[in-house]
Amino acid sequence: MQEEILQDLQSLHADDPLMWDFMAKREREAESLPTPDSESKQTKALEVGRQEERCCAVYEEAVTAVPTGVLQDAEPAGILRASSVGVRV
């Protein structure tokens, strides 16, 4: 049901920068599956990298969906983080 709600949110508010910001933050803050305590630092770093990539992918999609300049007002820090890893805004 949660996925259905998120799909509706994206469908109904595709031009709203706050929706895109919410979706990007959701990807960045997503919890990974529980792993043993012996998980290596490298494995944790890889997971954080994947979360950042998913977050940036959402911002990339937002750039094509939201008029130029409007998205930057949503959360400048998030956009700056995204642009620092290669997302063009």
PDB file of N, CA and C in Angstrom:
ATOM      1  N   MET A   1       0.827  -1.191   0.000  1.00  0.00           N
ATOM      2  CA  MET A   1       0.000   0.000   0.000  1.00  0.00           C
ATOM      3  C   MET A   1       0.873   1.258   0.000  1.00  0.00           C
ATOM      4  N   GLN A   2       1.994   1.203   0.708  1.00  0.00           N
ATOM      5  CA  GLN A   2       2.888   2.352   0.758  1.00  0.00           C
ATOM      6  C   GLN A   2       3.404   2.708  -0.635  1.00  0.00           C
ATOM      7  N   GLU A   3       3.756   1.692  -1.421  1.00  0.00           N
ATOM      8  CA  GLU A   3       4.236   1.951  -2.779  1.00  0.00           C
ATOM      9  C   GLU A   3       3.150   2.600  -3.634  1.00  0.00           C
ATOM     10  N   GLU A   4       1.917   2.170  -3.454  1.00  0.00           N
ATOM     11  CA  GLU A   4       0.798   2.749  -4.201  1.00  0.00           C
ATOM     12  C   GLU A   4       0.620   4.227  -3.842  1.00  0.00           C
ATOM     13  N   ILE A   5       0.741   4.529  -2.583  1.00  0.00           N
ATOM     14  CA  ILE A   5       0.626   5.922  -2.132  1.00  0.00           C
ATOM     15  C   ILE A   5       1.743   6.769  -2.729  1.00  0.00           C
ATOM     16  N   LEU A   6       2.962   6.236  -2.720  1.00  0.00           N
ATOM     17  CA  LEU A   6       4.087   6.973  -3.285  1.00  0.00           C
ATOM     18  C   LEU A   6       3.920   7.183  -4.787  1.00  0.00           C
ATOM     19  N   GLN A   7       3.392   6.190  -5.486  1.00  0.00           N
ATOM     20  CA  GLN A   7       3.142   6.343  -6.917  1.00  0.00           C
ATOM     21  C   GLN A   7       2.095   7.419  -7.176  1.00  0.00           C
ATOM     22  N   ASP A   8       1.036   7.427  -6.369  1.00  0.00           N
ATOM     23  CA  ASP A   8       0.014   8.469  -6.496  1.00  0.00           C
ATOM     24  C   ASP A   8       0.605   9.842  -6.218  1.00  0.00           C
ATOM     25  N   LEU A   9       1.432   9.929  -5.209  1.00  0.00           N
ATOM     26  CA  LEU A   9       2.087  11.192  -4.868  1.00  0.00           C
ATOM     27  C   LEU A   9       2.893  11.700  -6.053  1.00  0.00           C
ATOM     28  N   GLN A  10       3.669  10.821  -6.672  1.00  0.00           N
ATOM     29  CA  GLN A  10       4.463  11.221  -7.828  1.00  0.00           C
ATOM     30  C   GLN A  10       3.584  11.599  -9.013  1.00  0.00           C
ATOM     31  N   SER A  11       2.512  10.871  -9.227  1.00  0.00           N
ATOM     32  CA  SER A  11       1.626  11.152 -10.357  1.00  0.00           C
ATOM     33  C   SER A  11       0.915  12.494 -10.196  1.00  0.00           C
ATOM     34  N   LEU A  12       0.423  12.737  -9.013  1.00  0.00           N
ATOM     35  CA  LEU A  12      -0.390  13.929  -8.773  1.00  0.00           C
ATOM     36  C   LEU A  12       0.429  15.195  -8.554  1.00  0.00           C
ATOM     37  N   HIS A  13       1.688  15.042  -8.155  1.00  0.00           N
ATOM     38  CA  HIS A  13       2.490  16.218  -7.789  1.00  0.00           C
ATOM     39  C   HIS A  13       3.851  16.220  -8.472  1.00  0.00           C
ATOM     40  N   ALA A  14       3.883  15.776  -9.711  1.00  0.00           N
ATOM     41  CA  ALA A  14       5.150  15.667 -10.441  1.00  0.00           C
ATOM     42  C   ALA A  14       5.846  17.009 -10.635  1.00  0.00           C
ATOM     43  N   ASP A  15       5.095  18.107 -10.604  1.00  0.00           N
ATOM     44  CA  ASP A  15       5.700  19.417 -10.809  1.00  0.00           C
ATOM     45  C   ASP A  15       5.977  20.163  -9.504  1.00  0.00           C
ATOM     46  N   ASP A  16       5.831  19.484  -8.386  1.00  0.00           N
ATOM     47  CA  ASP A  16       6.042  20.100  -7.079  1.00  0.00           C
ATOM     48  C   ASP A  16       7.438  19.772  -6.553  1.00  0.00           C
ATOM     49  N   PRO A  17       8.287  20.772  -6.381  1.00  0.00           N
ATOM     50  CA  PRO A  17       9.650  20.499  -5.912  1.00  0.00           C
ATOM     51  C   PRO A  17       9.695  19.866  -4.523  1.00  0.00           C
ATOM     52  N   LEU A  18       8.721  20.149  -3.693  1.00  0.00           N
ATOM     53  CA  LEU A  18       8.710  19.541  -2.360  1.00  0.00           C
ATOM     54  C   LEU A  18       8.487  18.035  -2.424  1.00  0.00           C
ATOM     55  N   MET A  19       7.692  17.600  -3.380  1.00  0.00           N
ATOM     56  CA  MET A  19       7.487  16.162  -3.540  1.00  0.00           C
ATOM     57  C   MET A  19       8.800  15.500  -3.935  1.00  0.00           C
ATOM     58  N   TRP A  20       9.524  16.097  -4.879  1.00  0.00           N
ATOM     59  CA  TRP A  20      10.794  15.527  -5.324  1.00  0.00           C
ATOM     60  C   TRP A  20      11.810  15.543  -4.184  1.00  0.00           C
ATOM     61  N   ASP A  21      11.814  16.603  -3.425  1.00  0.00           N
ATOM     62  CA  ASP A  21      12.731  16.691  -2.300  1.00  0.00           C
ATOM     63  C   ASP A  21      12.422  15.588  -1.285  1.00  0.00           C
ATOM     64  N   PHE A  22      11.144  15.374  -1.010  1.00  0.00           N
ATOM     65  CA  PHE A  22      10.732  14.314  -0.097  1.00  0.00           C
ATOM     66  C   PHE A  22      11.196  12.953  -0.607  1.00  0.00           C
ATOM     67  N   MET A  23      10.977  12.704  -1.906  1.00  0.00           N
ATOM     68  CA  MET A  23      11.349  11.410  -2.475  1.00  0.00           C
ATOM     69  C   MET A  23      12.863  11.194  -2.429  1.00  0.00           C
ATOM     70  N   ALA A  24      13.633  12.240  -2.693  1.00  0.00           N
ATOM     71  CA  ALA A  24      15.095  12.125  -2.643  1.00  0.00           C
ATOM     72  C   ALA A  24      15.574  11.861  -1.220  1.00  0.00           C
ATOM     73  N   LYS A  25      15.009  12.596  -0.263  1.00  0.00           N
ATOM     74  CA  LYS A  25      15.382  12.377   1.139  1.00  0.00           C
ATOM     75  C   LYS A  25      15.017  10.972   1.581  1.00  0.00           C
ATOM     76  N   ARG A  26      13.894  10.486   1.094  1.00  0.00           N
ATOM     77  CA  ARG A  26      13.453   9.138   1.438  1.00  0.00           C
ATOM     78  C   ARG A  26      14.477   8.109   0.969  1.00  0.00           C
ATOM     79  N   GLU A  27      15.005   8.307  -0.222  1.00  0.00           N
ATOM     80  CA  GLU A  27      16.031   7.392  -0.744  1.00  0.00           C
ATOM     81  C   GLU A  27      17.328   7.510   0.059  1.00  0.00           C
ATOM     82  N   ARG A  28      17.702   8.735   0.378  1.00  0.00           N
ATOM     83  CA  ARG A  28      18.958   8.959   1.100  1.00  0.00           C
ATOM     84  C   ARG A  28      18.898   8.390   2.508  1.00  0.00           C
ATOM     85  N   GLU A  29      17.732   8.445   3.127  1.00  0.00           N
ATOM     86  CA  GLU A  29      17.598   8.028   4.513  1.00  0.00           C
ATOM     87  C   GLU A  29      17.037   6.620   4.664  1.00  0.00           C
ATOM     88  N   ALA A  30      16.880   5.924   3.544  1.00  0.00           N
ATOM     89  CA  ALA A  30      16.332   4.568   3.592  1.00  0.00           C
ATOM     90  C   ALA A  30      17.242   3.671   4.424  1.00  0.00           C
ATOM     91  N   GLU A  31      16.614   2.874   5.239  1.00  0.00           N
ATOM     92  CA  GLU A  31      17.387   1.952   6.062  1.00  0.00           C
ATOM     93  C   GLU A  31      17.687   0.705   5.254  1.00  0.00           C
ATOM     94  N   SER A  32      18.909   0.247   5.365  1.00  0.00           N
ATOM     95  CA  SER A  32      19.267  -0.982   4.676  1.00  0.00           C
ATOM     96  C   SER A  32      18.818  -2.177   5.500  1.00  0.00           C
ATOM     97  N   LEU A  33      18.839  -3.321   4.867  1.00  0.00           N
ATOM     98  CA  LEU A  33      18.449  -4.539   5.555  1.00  0.00           C
ATOM     99  C   LEU A  33      19.404  -4.810   6.711  1.00  0.00           C
ATOM    100  N   PRO A  34      18.883  -5.374   7.797  1.00  0.00           N
ATOM    101  CA  PRO A  34      19.758  -5.672   8.932  1.00  0.00           C
ATOM    102  C   PRO A  34      20.874  -6.632   8.520  1.00  0.00           C
ATOM    103  N   THR A  35      22.059  -6.345   9.039  1.00  0.00           N
ATOM    104  CA  THR A  35      23.214  -7.189   8.744  1.00  0.00           C
ATOM    105  C   THR A  35      23.931  -7.518  10.049  1.00  0.00           C
ATOM    106  N   PRO A  36      24.767  -8.510  10.023  1.00  0.00           N
ATOM    107  CA  PRO A  36      25.496  -8.865  11.247  1.00  0.00           C
ATOM    108  C   PRO A  36      26.378  -7.711  11.731  1.00  0.00           C
ATOM    109  N   ASP A  37      26.642  -7.715  13.014  1.00  0.00           N
ATOM    110  CA  ASP A  37      27.483  -6.664  13.584  1.00  0.00           C
ATOM    111  C   ASP A  37      28.893  -6.673  13.014  1.00  0.00           C
ATOM    112  N   SER A  38      29.287  -7.786  12.441  1.00  0.00           N
ATOM    113  CA  SER A  38      30.636  -7.888  11.900  1.00  0.00           C
ATOM    114  C   SER A  38      30.758  -7.293  10.495  1.00  0.00           C
ATOM    115  N   GLU A  39      29.722  -6.605  10.057  1.00  0.00           N
ATOM    116  CA  GLU A  39      29.740  -5.993   8.727  1.00  0.00           C
ATOM    117  C   GLU A  39      30.930  -5.039   8.626  1.00  0.00           C
ATOM    118  N   SER A  40      31.629  -5.140   7.543  1.00  0.00           N
ATOM    119  CA  SER A  40      32.830  -4.332   7.384  1.00  0.00           C
ATOM    120  C   SER A  40      32.493  -2.871   7.087  1.00  0.00           C
ATOM    121  N   LYS A  41      33.453  -2.032   7.358  1.00  0.00           N
ATOM    122  CA  LYS A  41      33.291  -0.605   7.056  1.00  0.00           C
ATOM    123  C   LYS A  41      33.119  -0.404   5.555  1.00  0.00           C
ATOM    124  N   GLN A  42      33.792  -1.231   4.772  1.00  0.00           N
ATOM    125  CA  GLN A  42      33.677  -1.116   3.320  1.00  0.00           C
ATOM    126  C   GLN A  42      32.257  -1.428   2.863  1.00  0.00           C
ATOM    127  N   THR A  43      31.634  -2.444   3.438  1.00  0.00           N
ATOM    128  CA  THR A  43      30.265  -2.797   3.088  1.00  0.00           C
ATOM    129  C   THR A  43      29.310  -1.675   3.460  1.00  0.00           C
ATOM    130  N   LYS A  44      29.504  -1.095   4.633  1.00  0.00           N
ATOM    131  CA  LYS A  44      28.663   0.030   5.057  1.00  0.00           C
ATOM    132  C   LYS A  44      28.846   1.219   4.124  1.00  0.00           C
ATOM    133  N   ALA A  45      30.088   1.480   3.740  1.00  0.00           N
ATOM    134  CA  ALA A  45      30.364   2.592   2.830  1.00  0.00           C
ATOM    135  C   ALA A  45      29.704   2.371   1.474  1.00  0.00           C
ATOM    136  N   LEU A  46      29.722   1.127   0.996  1.00  0.00           N
ATOM    137  CA  LEU A  46      29.062   0.814  -0.278  1.00  0.00           C
ATOM    138  C   LEU A  46      27.563   1.074  -0.192  1.00  0.00           C
ATOM    139  N   GLU A  47      26.955   0.699   0.925  1.00  0.00           N
ATOM    140  CA  GLU A  47      25.512   0.924   1.099  1.00  0.00           C
ATOM    141  C   GLU A  47      25.192   2.417   1.136  1.00  0.00           C
ATOM    142  N   VAL A  48      25.999   3.186   1.827  1.00  0.00           N
ATOM    143  CA  VAL A  48      25.794   4.636   1.869  1.00  0.00           C
ATOM    144  C   VAL A  48      25.938   5.209   0.461  1.00  0.00           C
ATOM    145  N   GLY A  49      26.898   4.715  -0.286  1.00  0.00           N
ATOM    146  CA  GLY A  49      27.082   5.159  -1.667  1.00  0.00           C
ATOM    147  C   GLY A  49      25.873   4.856  -2.526  1.00  0.00           C
ATOM    148  N   ARG A  50      25.289   3.674  -2.339  1.00  0.00           N
ATOM    149  CA  ARG A  50      24.075   3.313  -3.096  1.00  0.00           C
ATOM    150  C   ARG A  50      22.912   4.232  -2.737  1.00  0.00           C
ATOM    151  N   GLN A  51      22.776   4.538  -1.455  1.00  0.00           N
ATOM    152  CA  GLN A  51      21.692   5.439  -1.034  1.00  0.00           C
ATOM    153  C   GLN A  51      21.880   6.813  -1.661  1.00  0.00           C
ATOM    154  N   GLU A  52      23.113   7.313  -1.667  1.00  0.00           N
ATOM    155  CA  GLU A  52      23.386   8.621  -2.279  1.00  0.00           C
ATOM    156  C   GLU A  52      23.099   8.585  -3.781  1.00  0.00           C
ATOM    157  N   GLU A  53      23.448   7.486  -4.445  1.00  0.00           N
ATOM    158  CA  GLU A  53      23.164   7.359  -5.879  1.00  0.00           C
ATOM    159  C   GLU A  53      21.666   7.391  -6.156  1.00  0.00           C
ATOM    160  N   ARG A  54      20.890   6.679  -5.341  1.00  0.00           N
ATOM    161  CA  ARG A  54      19.428   6.692  -5.526  1.00  0.00           C
ATOM    162  C   ARG A  54      18.864   8.090  -5.276  1.00  0.00           C
ATOM    163  N   CYS A  55      19.390   8.754  -4.267  1.00  0.00           N
ATOM    164  CA  CYS A  55      18.960  10.121  -3.964  1.00  0.00           C
ATOM    165  C   CYS A  55      19.248  11.031  -5.154  1.00  0.00           C
ATOM    166  N   CYS A  56      20.452  10.940  -5.694  1.00  0.00           N
ATOM    167  CA  CYS A  56      20.824  11.770  -6.838  1.00  0.00           C
ATOM    168  C   CYS A  56      19.972  11.454  -8.057  1.00  0.00           C
ATOM    169  N   ALA A  57      19.631  10.190  -8.234  1.00  0.00           N
ATOM    170  CA  ALA A  57      18.785   9.809  -9.369  1.00  0.00           C
ATOM    171  C   ALA A  57      17.419  10.482  -9.271  1.00  0.00           C
ATOM    172  N   VAL A  58      16.894  10.593  -8.056  1.00  0.00           N
ATOM    173  CA  VAL A  58      15.607  11.269  -7.870  1.00  0.00           C
ATOM    174  C   VAL A  58      15.756  12.747  -8.219  1.00  0.00           C
ATOM    175  N   TYR A  59      16.837  13.389  -7.766  1.00  0.00           N
ATOM    176  CA  TYR A  59      17.049  14.797  -8.111  1.00  0.00           C
ATOM    177  C   TYR A  59      17.234  14.967  -9.620  1.00  0.00           C
ATOM    178  N   GLU A  60      17.916  14.033 -10.282  1.00  0.00           N
ATOM    179  CA  GLU A  60      18.069  14.122 -11.731  1.00  0.00           C
ATOM    180  C   GLU A  60      16.712  14.077 -12.426  1.00  0.00           C
ATOM    181  N   GLU A  61      15.847  13.196 -11.961  1.00  0.00           N
ATOM    182  CA  GLU A  61      14.507  13.102 -12.530  1.00  0.00           C
ATOM    183  C   GLU A  61      13.724  14.388 -12.261  1.00  0.00           C
ATOM    184  N   ALA A  62      13.905  14.948 -11.085  1.00  0.00           N
ATOM    185  CA  ALA A  62      13.207  16.178 -10.719  1.00  0.00           C
ATOM    186  C   ALA A  62      13.621  17.343 -11.621  1.00  0.00           C
ATOM    187  N   VAL A  63      14.880  17.389 -11.976  1.00  0.00           N
ATOM    188  CA  VAL A  63      15.368  18.474 -12.820  1.00  0.00           C
ATOM    189  C   VAL A  63      14.634  18.498 -14.151  1.00  0.00           C
ATOM    190  N   THR A  64      14.258  17.340 -14.656  1.00  0.00           N
ATOM    191  CA  THR A  64      13.525  17.306 -15.924  1.00  0.00           C
ATOM    192  C   THR A  64      12.033  17.577 -15.733  1.00  0.00           C
ATOM    193  N   ALA A  65      11.515  17.380 -14.521  1.00  0.00           N
ATOM    194  CA  ALA A  65      10.076  17.500 -14.287  1.00  0.00           C
ATOM    195  C   ALA A  65       9.649  18.866 -13.751  1.00  0.00           C
ATOM    196  N   VAL A  66      10.550  19.560 -13.083  1.00  0.00           N
ATOM    197  CA  VAL A  66      10.206  20.818 -12.421  1.00  0.00           C
ATOM    198  C   VAL A  66      10.863  21.969 -13.172  1.00  0.00           C
ATOM    199  N   PRO A  67      10.146  23.090 -13.344  1.00  0.00           N
ATOM    200  CA  PRO A  67      10.725  24.239 -14.037  1.00  0.00           C
ATOM    201  C   PRO A  67      12.045  24.694 -13.394  1.00  0.00           C
ATOM    202  N   THR A  68      12.964  25.146 -14.231  1.00  0.00           N
ATOM    203  CA  THR A  68      14.275  25.601 -13.774  1.00  0.00           C
ATOM    204  C   THR A  68      14.137  26.666 -12.698  1.00  0.00           C
ATOM    205  N   GLY A  69      14.948  26.567 -11.674  1.00  0.00           N
ATOM    206  CA  GLY A  69      14.956  27.536 -10.588  1.00  0.00           C
ATOM    207  C   GLY A  69      14.026  27.203  -9.451  1.00  0.00           C
ATOM    208  N   VAL A  70      12.909  26.567  -9.742  1.00  0.00           N
ATOM    209  CA  VAL A  70      11.932  26.253  -8.710  1.00  0.00           C
ATOM    210  C   VAL A  70      12.463  25.176  -7.771  1.00  0.00           C
ATOM    211  N   LEU A  71      13.104  24.173  -8.332  1.00  0.00           N
ATOM    212  CA  LEU A  71      13.619  23.069  -7.534  1.00  0.00           C
ATOM    213  C   LEU A  71      14.669  23.537  -6.541  1.00  0.00           C
ATOM    214  N   GLN A  72      15.441  24.510  -6.909  1.00  0.00           N
ATOM    215  CA  GLN A  72      16.506  24.981  -6.028  1.00  0.00           C
ATOM    216  C   GLN A  72      15.972  25.588  -4.747  1.00  0.00           C
ATOM    217  N   ASP A  73      14.725  26.035  -4.751  1.00  0.00           N
ATOM    218  CA  ASP A  73      14.132  26.605  -3.545  1.00  0.00           C
ATOM    219  C   ASP A  73      13.670  25.523  -2.574  1.00  0.00           C
ATOM    220  N   ALA A  74      13.565  24.286  -3.027  1.00  0.00           N
ATOM    221  CA  ALA A  74      13.049  23.207  -2.186  1.00  0.00           C
ATOM    222  C   ALA A  74      13.987  22.879  -1.040  1.00  0.00           C
ATOM    223  N   GLU A  75      15.195  22.540  -1.337  1.00  0.00           N
ATOM    224  CA  GLU A  75      16.182  22.266  -0.298  1.00  0.00           C
ATOM    225  C   GLU A  75      17.561  22.467  -0.902  1.00  0.00           C
ATOM    226  N   PRO A  76      18.076  23.687  -0.830  1.00  0.00           N
ATOM    227  CA  PRO A  76      19.371  23.969  -1.452  1.00  0.00           C
ATOM    228  C   PRO A  76      20.474  23.022  -0.998  1.00  0.00           C
ATOM    229  N   ALA A  77      20.489  22.629   0.251  1.00  0.00           N
ATOM    230  CA  ALA A  77      21.555  21.746   0.734  1.00  0.00           C
ATOM    231  C   ALA A  77      21.493  20.398   0.037  1.00  0.00           C
ATOM    232  N   GLY A  78      20.300  19.864  -0.156  1.00  0.00           N
ATOM    233  CA  GLY A  78      20.157  18.580  -0.833  1.00  0.00           C
ATOM    234  C   GLY A  78      20.597  18.665  -2.272  1.00  0.00           C
ATOM    235  N   ILE A  79      20.254  19.742  -2.918  1.00  0.00           N
ATOM    236  CA  ILE A  79      20.652  19.920  -4.310  1.00  0.00           C
ATOM    237  C   ILE A  79      22.147  20.108  -4.399  1.00  0.00           C
ATOM    238  N   LEU A  80      22.727  20.838  -3.461  1.00  0.00           N
ATOM    239  CA  LEU A  80      24.177  20.996  -3.474  1.00  0.00           C
ATOM    240  C   LEU A  80      24.873  19.665  -3.270  1.00  0.00           C
ATOM    241  N   ARG A  81      24.341  18.834  -2.377  1.00  0.00           N
ATOM    242  CA  ARG A  81      24.924  17.503  -2.180  1.00  0.00           C
ATOM    243  C   ARG A  81      24.819  16.711  -3.473  1.00  0.00           C
ATOM    244  N   ALA A  82      23.667  16.783  -4.113  1.00  0.00           N
ATOM    245  CA  ALA A  82      23.473  16.035  -5.348  1.00  0.00           C
ATOM    246  C   ALA A  82      24.414  16.546  -6.440  1.00  0.00           C
ATOM    247  N   SER A  83      24.549  17.851  -6.536  1.00  0.00           N
ATOM    248  CA  SER A  83      25.418  18.380  -7.591  1.00  0.00           C
ATOM    249  C   SER A  83      26.889  18.109  -7.311  1.00  0.00           C
ATOM    250  N   SER A  84      27.245  17.937  -6.044  1.00  0.00           N
ATOM    251  CA  SER A  84      28.639  17.663  -5.729  1.00  0.00           C
ATOM    252  C   SER A  84      29.052  16.259  -6.147  1.00  0.00           C
ATOM    253  N   VAL A  85      28.094  15.387  -6.407  1.00  0.00           N
ATOM    254  CA  VAL A  85      28.418  14.041  -6.866  1.00  0.00           C
ATOM    255  C   VAL A  85      28.050  13.851  -8.333  1.00  0.00           C
ATOM    256  N   GLY A  86      27.812  14.952  -9.041  1.00  0.00           N
ATOM    257  CA  GLY A  86      27.650  14.851 -10.479  1.00  0.00           C
ATOM    258  C   GLY A  86      26.275  15.114 -11.058  1.00  0.00           C
ATOM    259  N   VAL A  87      25.301  15.479 -10.246  1.00  0.00           N
ATOM    260  CA  VAL A  87      23.983  15.774 -10.785  1.00  0.00           C
ATOM    261  C   VAL A  87      23.979  17.221 -11.261  1.00  0.00           C
ATOM    262  N   ARG A  88      23.524  17.430 -12.459  1.00  0.00           N
ATOM    263  CA  ARG A  88      23.461  18.791 -12.987  1.00  0.00           C
ATOM    264  C   ARG A  88      22.123  19.409 -12.643  1.00  0.00           C
ATOM    265  N   VAL A  89      22.166  20.591 -12.009  1.00  0.00           N
ATOM    266  CA  VAL A  89      20.939  21.315 -11.681  1.00  0.00           C
ATOM    267  C   VAL A  89      20.916  22.652 -12.353  1.00  0.00           C
TER     268      VAL A  89
END
